[in-house]
């Protein structure tokens, strides 16, 4: 099993790499620089060398700058687009010309595809709300779909991935431990989250369906979120309880909007995104509820 991964050194990609290696897979990272440090047993290839070897069983495309890493200036928006569309374009160009194409392309996306829609339940059949998040994800998905004439394409619409090793939970842990945990805005906005372990399990399950030649191997968009989204108030309380610290503060929505501009939508506008297609496939979540997961990984 030879798997090519973009974004392999990231918060999700590194965990996926470790899981695939434990399962006996041979993992290659595709990077702009072949000198990118990698774990033992992981080969790193740069874009130019991709055409020299097309013998990969599957491709997982996770490249992309963090959506919440910096204020959304015009230049930052372009960086967010380029960091997703350029690697995806390289992959699809290669797939379309490969003598032996891979069996599947799993390509990253995000629940931002739906836009901010409050507490309205959203599944893979729901229509989007037109805004920057949606346009970014729609372009990203469109770039991946360019390979559909040669390989099945699975789009991973990822929610907020939680694990102490990175992402949102790593950023919040220290202020909450210091007793500075705070509800954001009115606290009613919905957080569609997923444990990193469950994200990995879901992605590997979708990948293996194609590698095993399953008759019902899936294509199209999948929401990678836990089946029980939570309001910000509940998330704040659960994180504080897991760390055995109080969380008595509140940050007004207006302050977030003044400080973060358009990016404040990630914090003050909710999305209630449900993993309908995963559940239809009978996927079992190890961590369907927030509180037991936070207790497990933070205690």
C-alpha atoms as a PDB file:
ATOM      1  CA  UNK A   1       0.000   0.000   0.000  1.00  0.00           C
ATOM      2  CA  UNK A   2       1.773   3.138  -1.239  1.00  0.00           C
ATOM      3  CA  UNK A   3       0.160   6.390  -0.117  1.00  0.00           C
ATOM      4  CA  UNK A   4       1.114   9.888  -1.277  1.00  0.00           C
ATOM      5  CA  UNK A   5       0.210  12.679   1.163  1.00  0.00           C
ATOM      6  CA  UNK A   6       0.377  16.451   0.831  1.00  0.00           C
ATOM      7  CA  UNK A   7       0.367  18.349   4.123  1.00  0.00           C
ATOM      8  CA  UNK A   8       1.881  15.284   5.763  1.00  0.00           C
ATOM      9  CA  UNK A   9       3.846  17.228   8.368  1.00  0.00           C
ATOM     10  CA  UNK A  10       0.765  19.046   9.659  1.00  0.00           C
ATOM     11  CA  UNK A  11      -1.408  18.475  12.714  1.00  0.00           C
ATOM     12  CA  UNK A  12      -3.664  15.977  10.908  1.00  0.00           C
ATOM     13  CA  UNK A  13      -1.241  14.716   8.277  1.00  0.00           C
ATOM     14  CA  UNK A  14       1.374  13.625  10.817  1.00  0.00           C
ATOM     15  CA  UNK A  15      -1.178  11.562  12.749  1.00  0.00           C
ATOM     16  CA  UNK A  16      -2.518  10.026   9.534  1.00  0.00           C
ATOM     17  CA  UNK A  17       1.037   9.169   8.475  1.00  0.00           C
ATOM     18  CA  UNK A  18       1.702   7.382  11.756  1.00  0.00           C
ATOM     19  CA  UNK A  19      -1.546   5.425  11.478  1.00  0.00           C
ATOM     20  CA  UNK A  20      -0.874   4.333   7.893  1.00  0.00           C
ATOM     21  CA  UNK A  21       2.652   3.247   8.809  1.00  0.00           C
ATOM     22  CA  UNK A  22       1.325   1.198  11.733  1.00  0.00           C
ATOM     23  CA  UNK A  23      -1.068  -0.450   9.270  1.00  0.00           C
ATOM     24  CA  UNK A  24       1.870  -1.446   7.075  1.00  0.00           C
ATOM     25  CA  UNK A  25       1.596   1.301   4.473  1.00  0.00           C
ATOM     26  CA  UNK A  26       4.504   3.018   2.754  1.00  0.00           C
ATOM     27  CA  UNK A  27       3.979   6.775   3.012  1.00  0.00           C
ATOM     28  CA  UNK A  28       5.501   9.436   0.778  1.00  0.00           C
ATOM     29  CA  UNK A  29       5.086  13.141   1.478  1.00  0.00           C
ATOM     30  CA  UNK A  30       4.757  15.568  -1.413  1.00  0.00           C
ATOM     31  CA  UNK A  31       6.223  18.937  -0.485  1.00  0.00           C
ATOM     32  CA  UNK A  32       7.559  22.057  -2.159  1.00  0.00           C
ATOM     33  CA  UNK A  33      10.959  21.090  -0.730  1.00  0.00           C
ATOM     34  CA  UNK A  34      12.385  17.566  -0.725  1.00  0.00           C
ATOM     35  CA  UNK A  35      14.422  18.612   2.340  1.00  0.00           C
ATOM     36  CA  UNK A  36      11.309  18.791   4.570  1.00  0.00           C
ATOM     37  CA  UNK A  37      12.069  16.841   7.793  1.00  0.00           C
ATOM     38  CA  UNK A  38      10.062  13.633   8.023  1.00  0.00           C
ATOM     39  CA  UNK A  39       9.625  10.632  10.345  1.00  0.00           C
ATOM     40  CA  UNK A  40      11.639   7.479   9.859  1.00  0.00           C
ATOM     41  CA  UNK A  41      10.457   5.522   6.853  1.00  0.00           C
ATOM     42  CA  UNK A  42       8.719   8.466   5.163  1.00  0.00           C
ATOM     43  CA  UNK A  43      10.126   9.573   1.820  1.00  0.00           C
ATOM     44  CA  UNK A  44       9.759  13.243   0.825  1.00  0.00           C
ATOM     45  CA  UNK A  45       9.352  14.219  -2.818  1.00  0.00           C
ATOM     46  CA  UNK A  46       9.130  17.683  -4.338  1.00  0.00           C
ATOM     47  CA  UNK A  47       6.581  18.639  -6.969  1.00  0.00           C
ATOM     48  CA  UNK A  48       8.976  18.324  -9.910  1.00  0.00           C
ATOM     49  CA  UNK A  49       9.912  14.732  -9.077  1.00  0.00           C
ATOM     50  CA  UNK A  50       6.306  13.539  -8.934  1.00  0.00           C
ATOM     51  CA  UNK A  51       6.202  12.724 -12.640  1.00  0.00           C
ATOM     52  CA  UNK A  52       9.201  10.400 -12.259  1.00  0.00           C
ATOM     53  CA  UNK A  53       7.145   7.806 -10.354  1.00  0.00           C
ATOM     54  CA  UNK A  54       3.390   7.351 -10.689  1.00  0.00           C
ATOM     55  CA  UNK A  55       3.063   4.114  -8.726  1.00  0.00           C
ATOM     56  CA  UNK A  56       0.891   5.182  -5.800  1.00  0.00           C
ATOM     57  CA  UNK A  57      -2.183   3.295  -4.638  1.00  0.00           C
ATOM     58  CA  UNK A  58      -3.878   6.357  -3.155  1.00  0.00           C
ATOM     59  CA  UNK A  59      -3.408  10.090  -2.681  1.00  0.00           C
ATOM     60  CA  UNK A  60      -4.469  12.128   0.358  1.00  0.00           C
ATOM     61  CA  UNK A  61      -4.376  15.878  -0.226  1.00  0.00           C
ATOM     62  CA  UNK A  62      -4.251  17.875   3.028  1.00  0.00           C
ATOM     63  CA  UNK A  63      -2.114  20.869   2.043  1.00  0.00           C
ATOM     64  CA  UNK A  64      -3.366  24.299   3.070  1.00  0.00           C
ATOM     65  CA  UNK A  65      -2.443  27.223   5.337  1.00  0.00           C
ATOM     66  CA  UNK A  66      -4.399  27.461   8.588  1.00  0.00           C
ATOM     67  CA  UNK A  67      -7.683  29.290   8.132  1.00  0.00           C
ATOM     68  CA  UNK A  68      -7.471  30.844  11.615  1.00  0.00           C
ATOM     69  CA  UNK A  69      -3.735  31.586  11.757  1.00  0.00           C
ATOM     70  CA  UNK A  70      -3.941  35.253  10.730  1.00  0.00           C
ATOM     71  CA  UNK A  71      -6.442  38.045  10.062  1.00  0.00           C
ATOM     72  CA  UNK A  72      -8.064  37.766   6.629  1.00  0.00           C
ATOM     73  CA  UNK A  73      -6.366  40.590   4.775  1.00  0.00           C
ATOM     74  CA  UNK A  74      -6.413  40.531   0.987  1.00  0.00           C
ATOM     75  CA  UNK A  75      -2.917  39.036   0.941  1.00  0.00           C
ATOM     76  CA  UNK A  76      -3.840  36.435   3.566  1.00  0.00           C
ATOM     77  CA  UNK A  77      -6.878  35.376   1.557  1.00  0.00           C
ATOM     78  CA  UNK A  78      -4.637  34.890  -1.464  1.00  0.00           C
ATOM     79  CA  UNK A  79      -2.247  32.797   0.637  1.00  0.00           C
ATOM     80  CA  UNK A  80      -5.149  30.640   1.798  1.00  0.00           C
ATOM     81  CA  UNK A  81      -6.210  30.103  -1.814  1.00  0.00           C
ATOM     82  CA  UNK A  82      -2.736  29.465  -3.215  1.00  0.00           C
ATOM     83  CA  UNK A  83      -1.758  27.051  -0.438  1.00  0.00           C
ATOM     84  CA  UNK A  84      -4.761  24.907  -1.341  1.00  0.00           C
ATOM     85  CA  UNK A  85      -5.202  25.323  -5.077  1.00  0.00           C
ATOM     86  CA  UNK A  86      -1.560  25.047  -6.168  1.00  0.00           C
ATOM     87  CA  UNK A  87      -0.841  21.643  -4.538  1.00  0.00           C
ATOM     88  CA  UNK A  88      -4.256  20.356  -5.584  1.00  0.00           C
ATOM     89  CA  UNK A  89      -3.604  21.477  -9.162  1.00  0.00           C
ATOM     90  CA  UNK A  90      -0.220  19.728  -9.179  1.00  0.00           C
ATOM     91  CA  UNK A  91      -1.846  16.501  -8.009  1.00  0.00           C
ATOM     92  CA  UNK A  92      -4.705  16.570 -10.478  1.00  0.00           C
ATOM     93  CA  UNK A  93      -2.382  17.433 -13.384  1.00  0.00           C
ATOM     94  CA  UNK A  94      -0.230  14.444 -12.451  1.00  0.00           C
ATOM     95  CA  UNK A  95      -3.225  12.115 -12.006  1.00  0.00           C
ATOM     96  CA  UNK A  96      -4.638  13.094 -15.380  1.00  0.00           C
ATOM     97  CA  UNK A  97      -1.361  12.185 -17.112  1.00  0.00           C
ATOM     98  CA  UNK A  98      -0.226   9.226 -14.979  1.00  0.00           C
ATOM     99  CA  UNK A  99       0.242   5.943 -16.809  1.00  0.00           C
ATOM    100  CA  UNK A 100      -1.179   4.146 -13.766  1.00  0.00           C
ATOM    101  CA  UNK A 101      -3.386   6.520 -11.753  1.00  0.00           C
ATOM    102  CA  UNK A 102      -4.062   5.877  -8.050  1.00  0.00           C
ATOM    103  CA  UNK A 103      -7.219   4.084  -6.957  1.00  0.00           C
ATOM    104  CA  UNK A 104      -8.596   7.129  -5.133  1.00  0.00           C
ATOM    105  CA  UNK A 105      -7.947  10.777  -4.295  1.00  0.00           C
ATOM    106  CA  UNK A 106      -9.010  11.912  -0.816  1.00  0.00           C
ATOM    107  CA  UNK A 107      -8.883  15.694  -0.895  1.00  0.00           C
ATOM    108  CA  UNK A 108      -9.207  18.103   1.989  1.00  0.00           C
ATOM    109  CA  UNK A 109     -12.016  20.568   2.373  1.00  0.00           C
ATOM    110  CA  UNK A 110     -13.794  22.062   5.371  1.00  0.00           C
ATOM    111  CA  UNK A 111     -17.235  22.636   6.788  1.00  0.00           C
ATOM    112  CA  UNK A 112     -16.627  26.265   5.856  1.00  0.00           C
ATOM    113  CA  UNK A 113     -18.112  25.115   2.527  1.00  0.00           C
ATOM    114  CA  UNK A 114     -21.542  25.600   4.121  1.00  0.00           C
ATOM    115  CA  UNK A 115     -20.810  29.100   5.379  1.00  0.00           C
ATOM    116  CA  UNK A 116     -22.167  30.432   8.668  1.00  0.00           C
ATOM    117  CA  UNK A 117     -25.755  29.212   9.102  1.00  0.00           C
ATOM    118  CA  UNK A 118     -26.339  29.409  12.846  1.00  0.00           C
ATOM    119  CA  UNK A 119     -27.899  26.364  14.481  1.00  0.00           C
ATOM    120  CA  UNK A 120     -29.628  25.023  11.346  1.00  0.00           C
ATOM    121  CA  UNK A 121     -28.681  21.317  10.965  1.00  0.00           C
ATOM    122  CA  UNK A 122     -26.524  20.844   7.870  1.00  0.00           C
ATOM    123  CA  UNK A 123     -25.613  17.626   6.087  1.00  0.00           C
ATOM    124  CA  UNK A 124     -23.963  16.864   2.761  1.00  0.00           C
ATOM    125  CA  UNK A 125     -27.165  17.728   0.861  1.00  0.00           C
ATOM    126  CA  UNK A 126     -27.463  21.225   2.375  1.00  0.00           C
ATOM    127  CA  UNK A 127     -27.009  24.347   0.278  1.00  0.00           C
ATOM    128  CA  UNK A 128     -24.184  26.763   1.208  1.00  0.00           C
ATOM    129  CA  UNK A 129     -24.317  30.360   2.381  1.00  0.00           C
ATOM    130  CA  UNK A 130     -22.320  32.601   0.037  1.00  0.00           C
ATOM    131  CA  UNK A 131     -19.277  34.083   1.818  1.00  0.00           C
ATOM    132  CA  UNK A 132     -15.474  33.829   1.802  1.00  0.00           C
ATOM    133  CA  UNK A 133     -15.326  30.489   3.615  1.00  0.00           C
ATOM    134  CA  UNK A 134     -17.658  28.915   1.075  1.00  0.00           C
ATOM    135  CA  UNK A 135     -15.878  30.360  -1.950  1.00  0.00           C
ATOM    136  CA  UNK A 136     -12.491  29.141  -0.681  1.00  0.00           C
ATOM    137  CA  UNK A 137     -13.729  25.601  -0.075  1.00  0.00           C
ATOM    138  CA  UNK A 138     -15.721  25.517  -3.318  1.00  0.00           C
ATOM    139  CA  UNK A 139     -12.609  26.417  -5.328  1.00  0.00           C
ATOM    140  CA  UNK A 140     -10.588  23.833  -3.417  1.00  0.00           C
ATOM    141  CA  UNK A 141     -13.131  21.111  -4.074  1.00  0.00           C
ATOM    142  CA  UNK A 142     -13.478  22.153  -7.702  1.00  0.00           C
ATOM    143  CA  UNK A 143      -9.725  21.836  -8.185  1.00  0.00           C
ATOM    144  CA  UNK A 144      -9.822  18.273  -6.807  1.00  0.00           C
ATOM    145  CA  UNK A 145     -12.819  17.311  -8.931  1.00  0.00           C
ATOM    146  CA  UNK A 146     -10.717  17.995 -12.022  1.00  0.00           C
ATOM    147  CA  UNK A 147      -9.333  14.465 -11.524  1.00  0.00           C
ATOM    148  CA  UNK A 148     -12.739  12.766 -11.487  1.00  0.00           C
ATOM    149  CA  UNK A 149     -12.418  11.550 -15.063  1.00  0.00           C
ATOM    150  CA  UNK A 150      -9.468   9.355 -13.983  1.00  0.00           C
ATOM    151  CA  UNK A 151      -9.999   8.482 -10.307  1.00  0.00           C
ATOM    152  CA  UNK A 152     -12.764   8.471  -7.672  1.00  0.00           C
ATOM    153  CA  UNK A 153     -12.586  11.675  -5.618  1.00  0.00           C
ATOM    154  CA  UNK A 154     -13.631  11.872  -1.952  1.00  0.00           C
ATOM    155  CA  UNK A 155     -13.921  15.350  -0.399  1.00  0.00           C
ATOM    156  CA  UNK A 156     -13.201  15.591   3.330  1.00  0.00           C
ATOM    157  CA  UNK A 157     -15.279  18.465   4.755  1.00  0.00           C
ATOM    158  CA  UNK A 158     -13.500  18.713   8.069  1.00  0.00           C
ATOM    159  CA  UNK A 159     -14.846  20.317  11.227  1.00  0.00           C
ATOM    160  CA  UNK A 160     -12.768  21.672  14.114  1.00  0.00           C
ATOM    161  CA  UNK A 161     -10.315  18.862  14.873  1.00  0.00           C
ATOM    162  CA  UNK A 162      -9.520  18.490  18.573  1.00  0.00           C
ATOM    163  CA  UNK A 163      -6.377  17.016  20.127  1.00  0.00           C
ATOM    164  CA  UNK A 164      -3.893  18.477  22.634  1.00  0.00           C
ATOM    165  CA  UNK A 165      -1.029  18.119  20.135  1.00  0.00           C
ATOM    166  CA  UNK A 166      -2.218  21.004  17.984  1.00  0.00           C
ATOM    167  CA  UNK A 167      -5.017  23.048  16.536  1.00  0.00           C
ATOM    168  CA  UNK A 168      -7.652  24.821  18.584  1.00  0.00           C
ATOM    169  CA  UNK A 169      -7.251  22.699  21.724  1.00  0.00           C
ATOM    170  CA  UNK A 170      -3.514  23.337  21.955  1.00  0.00           C
ATOM    171  CA  UNK A 171      -4.082  27.087  21.633  1.00  0.00           C
ATOM    172  CA  UNK A 172      -6.782  27.190  24.301  1.00  0.00           C
ATOM    173  CA  UNK A 173      -5.200  24.908  26.852  1.00  0.00           C
ATOM    174  CA  UNK A 174      -2.797  27.417  28.400  1.00  0.00           C
ATOM    175  CA  UNK A 175      -5.244  30.327  28.866  1.00  0.00           C
ATOM    176  CA  UNK A 176      -7.839  27.946  30.319  1.00  0.00           C
ATOM    177  CA  UNK A 177      -5.239  26.472  32.679  1.00  0.00           C
ATOM    178  CA  UNK A 178      -4.482  30.025  33.834  1.00  0.00           C
ATOM    179  CA  UNK A 179      -8.155  30.571  34.612  1.00  0.00           C
ATOM    180  CA  UNK A 180      -8.609  32.849  31.594  1.00  0.00           C
ATOM    181  CA  UNK A 181     -11.088  30.651  29.736  1.00  0.00           C
ATOM    182  CA  UNK A 182     -13.936  32.666  28.275  1.00  0.00           C
ATOM    183  CA  UNK A 183     -17.239  32.244  26.541  1.00  0.00           C
ATOM    184  CA  UNK A 184     -17.235  33.876  23.109  1.00  0.00           C
ATOM    185  CA  UNK A 185     -20.049  36.238  22.203  1.00  0.00           C
ATOM    186  CA  UNK A 186     -23.415  35.057  23.521  1.00  0.00           C
ATOM    187  CA  UNK A 187     -22.146  31.469  23.639  1.00  0.00           C
ATOM    188  CA  UNK A 188     -25.009  30.075  21.571  1.00  0.00           C
ATOM    189  CA  UNK A 189     -23.001  29.595  18.367  1.00  0.00           C
ATOM    190  CA  UNK A 190     -22.550  25.920  17.487  1.00  0.00           C
ATOM    191  CA  UNK A 191     -19.148  24.255  17.231  1.00  0.00           C
ATOM    192  CA  UNK A 192     -18.946  21.290  14.861  1.00  0.00           C
ATOM    193  CA  UNK A 193     -15.954  19.386  16.197  1.00  0.00           C
ATOM    194  CA  UNK A 194     -14.296  15.991  15.806  1.00  0.00           C
ATOM    195  CA  UNK A 195     -11.644  14.156  17.821  1.00  0.00           C
ATOM    196  CA  UNK A 196      -8.473  13.751  15.797  1.00  0.00           C
ATOM    197  CA  UNK A 197      -8.622  10.001  16.401  1.00  0.00           C
ATOM    198  CA  UNK A 198     -12.097   9.859  14.844  1.00  0.00           C
ATOM    199  CA  UNK A 199     -10.979  11.945  11.883  1.00  0.00           C
ATOM    200  CA  UNK A 200      -8.167   9.474  11.229  1.00  0.00           C
ATOM    201  CA  UNK A 201     -10.491   6.475  11.587  1.00  0.00           C
ATOM    202  CA  UNK A 202     -13.006   7.987   9.166  1.00  0.00           C
ATOM    203  CA  UNK A 203     -10.398   8.919   6.556  1.00  0.00           C
ATOM    204  CA  UNK A 204      -8.741   5.494   6.717  1.00  0.00           C
ATOM    205  CA  UNK A 205     -12.139   3.803   6.385  1.00  0.00           C
ATOM    206  CA  UNK A 206     -12.943   5.801   3.235  1.00  0.00           C
ATOM    207  CA  UNK A 207      -9.463   5.111   1.883  1.00  0.00           C
ATOM    208  CA  UNK A 208      -9.608   1.373   2.511  1.00  0.00           C
ATOM    209  CA  UNK A 209     -12.969   1.016   0.809  1.00  0.00           C
ATOM    210  CA  UNK A 210     -11.212   1.925  -2.442  1.00  0.00           C
ATOM    211  CA  UNK A 211      -7.994   0.024  -1.801  1.00  0.00           C
ATOM    212  CA  UNK A 212     -10.021  -3.098  -1.015  1.00  0.00           C
ATOM    213  CA  UNK A 213     -12.115  -2.700  -4.160  1.00  0.00           C
ATOM    214  CA  UNK A 214     -15.427  -2.445  -2.298  1.00  0.00           C
ATOM    215  CA  UNK A 215     -18.459  -2.313  -4.553  1.00  0.00           C
ATOM    216  CA  UNK A 216     -19.883   0.575  -2.529  1.00  0.00           C
ATOM    217  CA  UNK A 217     -16.619   2.548  -2.336  1.00  0.00           C
ATOM    218  CA  UNK A 218     -17.708   6.129  -1.656  1.00  0.00           C
ATOM    219  CA  UNK A 219     -17.189   9.299  -3.681  1.00  0.00           C
ATOM    220  CA  UNK A 220     -18.170  12.926  -3.212  1.00  0.00           C
ATOM    221  CA  UNK A 221     -18.346  15.007  -0.048  1.00  0.00           C
ATOM    222  CA  UNK A 222     -18.256  13.647   3.497  1.00  0.00           C
ATOM    223  CA  UNK A 223     -18.643  15.738   6.658  1.00  0.00           C
ATOM    224  CA  UNK A 224     -15.914  14.739   9.100  1.00  0.00           C
ATOM    225  CA  UNK A 225     -17.544  15.970  12.293  1.00  0.00           C
ATOM    226  CA  UNK A 226     -18.752  14.347  15.493  1.00  0.00           C
ATOM    227  CA  UNK A 227     -22.455  13.445  15.583  1.00  0.00           C
ATOM    228  CA  UNK A 228     -23.078  15.840  18.493  1.00  0.00           C
ATOM    229  CA  UNK A 229     -22.090  19.474  17.806  1.00  0.00           C
ATOM    230  CA  UNK A 230     -22.027  21.714  20.880  1.00  0.00           C
ATOM    231  CA  UNK A 231     -22.736  25.343  21.694  1.00  0.00           C
ATOM    232  CA  UNK A 232     -19.773  27.527  22.637  1.00  0.00           C
ATOM    233  CA  UNK A 233     -21.073  27.800  26.215  1.00  0.00           C
ATOM    234  CA  UNK A 234     -20.995  24.008  26.557  1.00  0.00           C
ATOM    235  CA  UNK A 235     -17.547  23.752  24.975  1.00  0.00           C
ATOM    236  CA  UNK A 236     -16.182  26.420  27.335  1.00  0.00           C
ATOM    237  CA  UNK A 237     -17.612  24.669  30.382  1.00  0.00           C
ATOM    238  CA  UNK A 238     -16.404  21.229  29.235  1.00  0.00           C
ATOM    239  CA  UNK A 239     -12.845  22.418  28.630  1.00  0.00           C
ATOM    240  CA  UNK A 240     -12.686  24.242  31.949  1.00  0.00           C
ATOM    241  CA  UNK A 241     -14.066  21.209  33.800  1.00  0.00           C
ATOM    242  CA  UNK A 242     -11.573  18.862  32.116  1.00  0.00           C
ATOM    243  CA  UNK A 243      -8.726  21.126  33.271  1.00  0.00           C
ATOM    244  CA  UNK A 244     -10.295  21.624  36.714  1.00  0.00           C
ATOM    245  CA  UNK A 245     -10.266  25.389  36.264  1.00  0.00           C
ATOM    246  CA  UNK A 246     -12.966  28.084  36.308  1.00  0.00           C
ATOM    247  CA  UNK A 247     -14.128  29.853  33.155  1.00  0.00           C
ATOM    248  CA  UNK A 248     -15.944  32.952  34.307  1.00  0.00           C
ATOM    249  CA  UNK A 249     -15.030  35.418  31.570  1.00  0.00           C
ATOM    250  CA  UNK A 250     -16.831  36.405  28.371  1.00  0.00           C
ATOM    251  CA  UNK A 251     -15.514  38.101  25.257  1.00  0.00           C
ATOM    252  CA  UNK A 252     -18.160  40.242  23.514  1.00  0.00           C
ATOM    253  CA  UNK A 253     -18.777  39.498  19.865  1.00  0.00           C
ATOM    254  CA  UNK A 254     -18.119  43.148  19.014  1.00  0.00           C
ATOM    255  CA  UNK A 255     -14.617  42.946  20.515  1.00  0.00           C
ATOM    256  CA  UNK A 256     -13.841  39.871  18.412  1.00  0.00           C
ATOM    257  CA  UNK A 257     -15.131  41.588  15.294  1.00  0.00           C
ATOM    258  CA  UNK A 258     -13.020  44.676  15.973  1.00  0.00           C
ATOM    259  CA  UNK A 259      -9.914  42.600  16.620  1.00  0.00           C
ATOM    260  CA  UNK A 260     -10.275  39.964  13.931  1.00  0.00           C
ATOM    261  CA  UNK A 261     -12.370  41.601  11.246  1.00  0.00           C
ATOM    262  CA  UNK A 262     -14.069  39.201   8.840  1.00  0.00           C
ATOM    263  CA  UNK A 263     -12.264  36.232  10.417  1.00  0.00           C
ATOM    264  CA  UNK A 264     -14.361  36.700  13.570  1.00  0.00           C
ATOM    265  CA  UNK A 265     -17.084  34.693  11.825  1.00  0.00           C
ATOM    266  CA  UNK A 266     -15.120  31.560  12.771  1.00  0.00           C
ATOM    267  CA  UNK A 267     -15.745  32.337  16.446  1.00  0.00           C
ATOM    268  CA  UNK A 268     -19.079  34.130  16.652  1.00  0.00           C
ATOM    269  CA  UNK A 269     -21.163  32.513  13.883  1.00  0.00           C
ATOM    270  CA  UNK A 270     -22.104  28.898  14.349  1.00  0.00           C
ATOM    271  CA  UNK A 271     -22.343  25.864  12.099  1.00  0.00           C
ATOM    272  CA  UNK A 272     -24.289  22.751  13.072  1.00  0.00           C
ATOM    273  CA  UNK A 273     -22.760  20.238  10.640  1.00  0.00           C
ATOM    274  CA  UNK A 274     -23.690  16.559  10.909  1.00  0.00           C
ATOM    275  CA  UNK A 275     -21.811  13.501   9.543  1.00  0.00           C
ATOM    276  CA  UNK A 276     -24.831  12.068   7.760  1.00  0.00           C
ATOM    277  CA  UNK A 277     -22.976  10.099   5.076  1.00  0.00           C
ATOM    278  CA  UNK A 278     -20.520   8.559   7.557  1.00  0.00           C
ATOM    279  CA  UNK A 279     -23.427   7.452   9.719  1.00  0.00           C
ATOM    280  CA  UNK A 280     -25.247   6.025   6.719  1.00  0.00           C
ATOM    281  CA  UNK A 281     -22.162   3.874   6.135  1.00  0.00           C
ATOM    282  CA  UNK A 282     -22.402   2.635   9.719  1.00  0.00           C
ATOM    283  CA  UNK A 283     -19.257   4.433  10.875  1.00  0.00           C
ATOM    284  CA  UNK A 284     -18.766   4.127  14.644  1.00  0.00           C
ATOM    285  CA  UNK A 285     -17.297   7.133  16.449  1.00  0.00           C
ATOM    286  CA  UNK A 286     -14.963   6.426  19.352  1.00  0.00           C
ATOM    287  CA  UNK A 287     -15.755   9.879  20.764  1.00  0.00           C
ATOM    288  CA  UNK A 288     -19.269  11.006  19.806  1.00  0.00           C
ATOM    289  CA  UNK A 289     -19.566  13.320  22.840  1.00  0.00           C
ATOM    290  CA  UNK A 290     -17.305  16.190  23.815  1.00  0.00           C
ATOM    291  CA  UNK A 291     -17.012  15.883  27.595  1.00  0.00           C
ATOM    292  CA  UNK A 292     -15.667  12.295  27.782  1.00  0.00           C
ATOM    293  CA  UNK A 293     -13.147  13.087  25.052  1.00  0.00           C
ATOM    294  CA  UNK A 294     -11.772  16.180  26.763  1.00  0.00           C
ATOM    295  CA  UNK A 295     -11.584  14.322  30.073  1.00  0.00           C
ATOM    296  CA  UNK A 296      -9.661  11.515  28.398  1.00  0.00           C
ATOM    297  CA  UNK A 297      -7.051  13.596  26.558  1.00  0.00           C
ATOM    298  CA  UNK A 298      -6.561  16.375  29.111  1.00  0.00           C
ATOM    299  CA  UNK A 299      -6.450  14.406  32.364  1.00  0.00           C
END
